[in-house]
Protein backbone atom coordinates (compact mmCIF):
# COMPACT_ATOMS: atom_id res chain seq x y z
CA MET A 1 -20.33 33.60 -31.22
CA SER A 2 -22.27 30.47 -32.15
CA GLU A 3 -23.67 28.31 -29.36
CA PRO A 4 -21.31 25.32 -29.89
CA ILE A 5 -18.21 27.50 -29.88
CA ARG A 6 -19.60 29.27 -26.72
CA SER A 7 -20.25 26.03 -24.88
CA ILE A 8 -16.72 24.81 -25.77
CA SER A 9 -15.13 28.01 -24.45
CA GLU A 10 -17.22 27.81 -21.28
CA GLY A 11 -16.39 24.11 -20.76
CA THR A 12 -20.09 23.02 -20.92
CA PHE A 13 -20.08 21.29 -24.41
CA VAL A 14 -21.46 17.69 -24.29
CA ILE A 15 -20.61 15.23 -27.01
CA GLY A 16 -23.70 13.14 -27.66
CA ASP A 17 -25.83 11.31 -25.10
CA THR A 18 -23.56 9.87 -22.31
CA ASN A 19 -26.48 8.23 -20.42
CA GLY A 20 -26.17 4.96 -22.31
CA LEU A 21 -22.46 4.66 -21.68
CA THR A 22 -21.05 1.96 -19.24
CA PHE A 23 -17.62 2.72 -17.83
CA GLU A 24 -15.22 -0.12 -16.80
CA SER A 25 -11.76 0.05 -15.42
CA GLY A 26 -8.87 -2.31 -14.81
CA PRO A 27 -7.28 -3.28 -11.54
CA GLY A 28 -6.28 -0.33 -9.30
CA ILE A 29 -8.38 2.15 -11.31
CA SER A 30 -11.68 3.67 -10.14
CA VAL A 31 -14.25 5.12 -12.48
CA SER A 32 -17.30 6.90 -10.96
CA GLN A 33 -19.99 9.31 -12.12
CA PRO A 34 -20.44 11.68 -9.19
CA SER A 35 -22.91 13.90 -11.10
CA GLU A 36 -24.59 14.04 -14.58
CA GLY A 37 -22.04 14.81 -17.25
CA THR A 38 -19.08 14.19 -14.94
CA VAL A 39 -16.79 11.10 -15.02
CA ARG A 40 -14.12 10.71 -12.51
CA ILE A 41 -11.14 8.43 -13.20
CA ALA A 42 -8.74 7.84 -10.36
CA ASN A 43 -6.09 5.50 -9.01
CA ASP A 44 -7.82 3.23 -6.45
CA GLU A 45 -5.06 3.31 -3.92
CA THR A 46 -5.02 4.91 -0.49
CA VAL A 47 -1.94 5.53 1.59
CA LEU A 48 -2.98 4.21 4.96
CA TRP A 49 0.26 5.02 6.75
CA SER A 50 3.75 6.37 5.72
CA GLY A 51 6.54 7.53 7.93
CA ALA A 52 9.79 6.76 9.73
CA CYS A 53 10.77 3.09 9.68
CA LEU A 54 8.59 1.00 12.02
CA ARG A 55 10.84 -1.24 14.00
CA GLN A 56 10.37 -4.42 16.15
CA GLY A 57 9.01 -3.49 19.59
CA GLY A 58 8.51 0.19 18.52
CA PRO A 59 5.29 2.06 18.74
CA ALA A 60 2.40 0.99 16.51
CA ALA A 61 1.45 2.93 13.36
CA THR A 62 -2.16 4.15 13.28
CA LEU A 63 -3.67 3.55 9.90
CA ALA A 64 -5.83 6.33 8.37
CA GLU A 65 -8.70 3.83 8.06
CA SER A 66 -9.33 0.17 8.51
CA ALA A 67 -7.37 -2.10 6.35
CA SER A 68 -10.47 -4.29 5.96
CA ASN A 69 -12.01 -1.47 3.82
CA PHE A 70 -9.77 -2.74 1.01
CA GLU A 71 -9.38 -5.82 -1.16
CA LYS A 72 -5.66 -5.82 -0.57
CA ILE A 73 -3.05 -4.03 1.43
CA GLU A 74 0.63 -3.50 0.39
CA ILE A 75 3.38 -3.35 2.99
CA TYR A 76 6.57 -1.58 1.96
CA ALA A 77 9.38 -3.18 3.96
CA VAL A 78 13.01 -2.23 4.10
CA PRO A 79 15.19 -5.22 4.77
CA ASN A 80 18.33 -3.53 6.25
CA PRO A 81 18.46 0.18 7.01
CA GLN A 82 22.11 -0.16 8.07
CA PRO A 83 24.78 2.07 6.43
CA GLY A 84 26.54 0.38 3.59
CA ALA A 85 23.67 -1.95 2.90
CA PHE A 86 22.20 -2.52 -0.56
CA ASP A 87 18.73 -1.64 0.40
CA PHE A 88 15.44 -0.50 -1.14
CA PRO A 89 11.71 -0.88 -0.15
CA GLN A 90 10.12 -4.18 -1.26
CA VAL A 91 6.44 -4.52 -1.47
CA PHE A 92 4.42 -7.40 -0.11
CA THR A 93 0.65 -7.85 -0.80
CA TYR A 94 -1.88 -9.35 1.58
CA PRO A 95 -5.73 -9.65 1.67
CA GLY A 96 -7.20 -6.52 3.29
CA ASP A 97 -8.95 -8.55 5.94
CA ASN A 98 -5.67 -10.21 7.18
CA THR A 99 -5.01 -9.41 10.85
CA ASN A 100 -1.33 -10.71 10.77
CA GLY A 101 1.38 -11.79 8.34
CA ALA A 102 5.04 -12.22 7.73
CA TYR A 103 7.49 -11.13 4.99
CA MET A 104 11.07 -12.14 4.01
CA CYS A 105 13.22 -9.59 2.01
CA PRO A 106 16.54 -10.54 0.44
CA PHE A 107 19.40 -8.06 0.87
CA MET A 108 23.20 -7.83 0.84
CA ILE A 109 25.74 -6.09 2.93
CA ASN A 110 28.59 -4.62 0.93
CA THR A 111 31.23 -5.42 3.44
CA ASP A 112 30.80 -9.23 3.25
CA LEU A 113 28.99 -9.75 0.00
CA LYS A 114 26.86 -12.35 1.67
CA GLY A 115 23.20 -12.78 0.80
CA LYS A 116 20.87 -12.33 3.75
CA PHE A 117 17.12 -12.09 4.40
CA ALA A 118 15.28 -9.74 6.62
CA VAL A 119 12.23 -11.25 8.31
CA GLY A 120 9.22 -9.40 9.78
CA ILE A 121 6.03 -10.52 11.51
CA TRP A 122 3.23 -8.00 11.80
CA THR A 123 -0.23 -7.67 13.30
CA ILE A 124 -3.25 -5.37 12.81
CA THR A 125 -5.57 -4.92 15.71
CA ASN A 126 -8.93 -3.03 15.65
CA GLY A 127 -8.44 -2.60 11.94
CA THR A 128 -6.14 0.39 12.31
CA SER A 129 -3.29 -0.40 14.68
CA PHE A 130 -0.37 -1.85 12.72
CA ASN A 131 2.50 -3.29 14.82
CA LEU A 132 5.73 -4.97 13.76
CA VAL A 133 5.98 -7.55 16.47
CA ALA A 134 9.19 -9.21 15.42
CA ALA A 135 12.05 -8.51 12.98
CA GLY A 136 15.44 -9.95 12.33
CA GLN A 137 17.84 -11.23 9.74
CA THR A 138 19.14 -14.61 8.55
CA ASP A 139 21.46 -16.04 6.06
CA SER A 140 20.33 -19.63 6.82
CA TYR A 141 16.56 -19.57 7.35
CA PRO A 142 14.96 -20.86 9.59
CA SER A 143 17.63 -19.73 11.99
CA VAL A 144 16.85 -16.09 12.59
CA ASN A 145 18.74 -13.39 14.64
CA TRP A 146 15.71 -11.51 16.06
CA ASN A 147 16.72 -7.94 16.80
CA ASP A 148 15.51 -4.47 15.91
CA SER A 149 18.67 -3.74 13.68
CA TYR A 150 17.16 -5.45 10.64
CA GLY A 151 13.83 -5.04 8.84
CA GLY A 152 11.14 -2.43 9.17
CA VAL A 153 8.10 -1.03 7.49
CA VAL A 154 7.95 2.41 5.83
CA LYS A 155 4.51 2.46 4.22
CA ILE A 156 1.15 0.73 4.07
CA VAL A 157 -1.23 1.14 1.13
CA GLY A 158 -4.91 0.08 0.66
CA ILE A 159 -5.72 -1.20 -2.83
CA ASN A 160 -9.28 -1.49 -4.32
CA ARG A 161 -11.65 -0.01 -1.84
CA ILE A 162 -14.61 -2.42 -1.02
CA ALA A 163 -18.06 -0.85 -0.56
CA GLY A 164 -19.00 -1.73 2.99
CA GLY A 165 -15.54 -3.14 3.84
CA ASN A 166 -14.76 -6.84 4.50
CA ALA A 167 -16.75 -7.00 7.68
């Protein structure tokens, strides 16, 4: 077997000189060269927490690592986990170094066909403790019925890791 054929079959064939190449990627994509001849392409998103719906006044979620290690964080909120509600997670994006924020999700209850909004206010302490401090629903903002029956968070994702973090 000739050398080029053998190297292809063994997975060691190199096309040209790759030392002069520069790799670039778009948003949310990471390209690295961990060793000579290897290029790693990956989605630059890290799930920091995912689980049962976080509710107002419930326990805090512990993030897998500090949110400030990322350019942005995405918070997946569900506006109304009640039966019969037209409900799906909605994604809200914040800077990774934010320590608090708020969101407002539109939703509708099939029984009254009235448009409503779920409102949530959250905090992150010590970089990794995420708490939904207030949640409620309204159909005439700014009047909010604050209670734990509406709104919650089901996932938190870090986007675009920052070397050294935001500290």
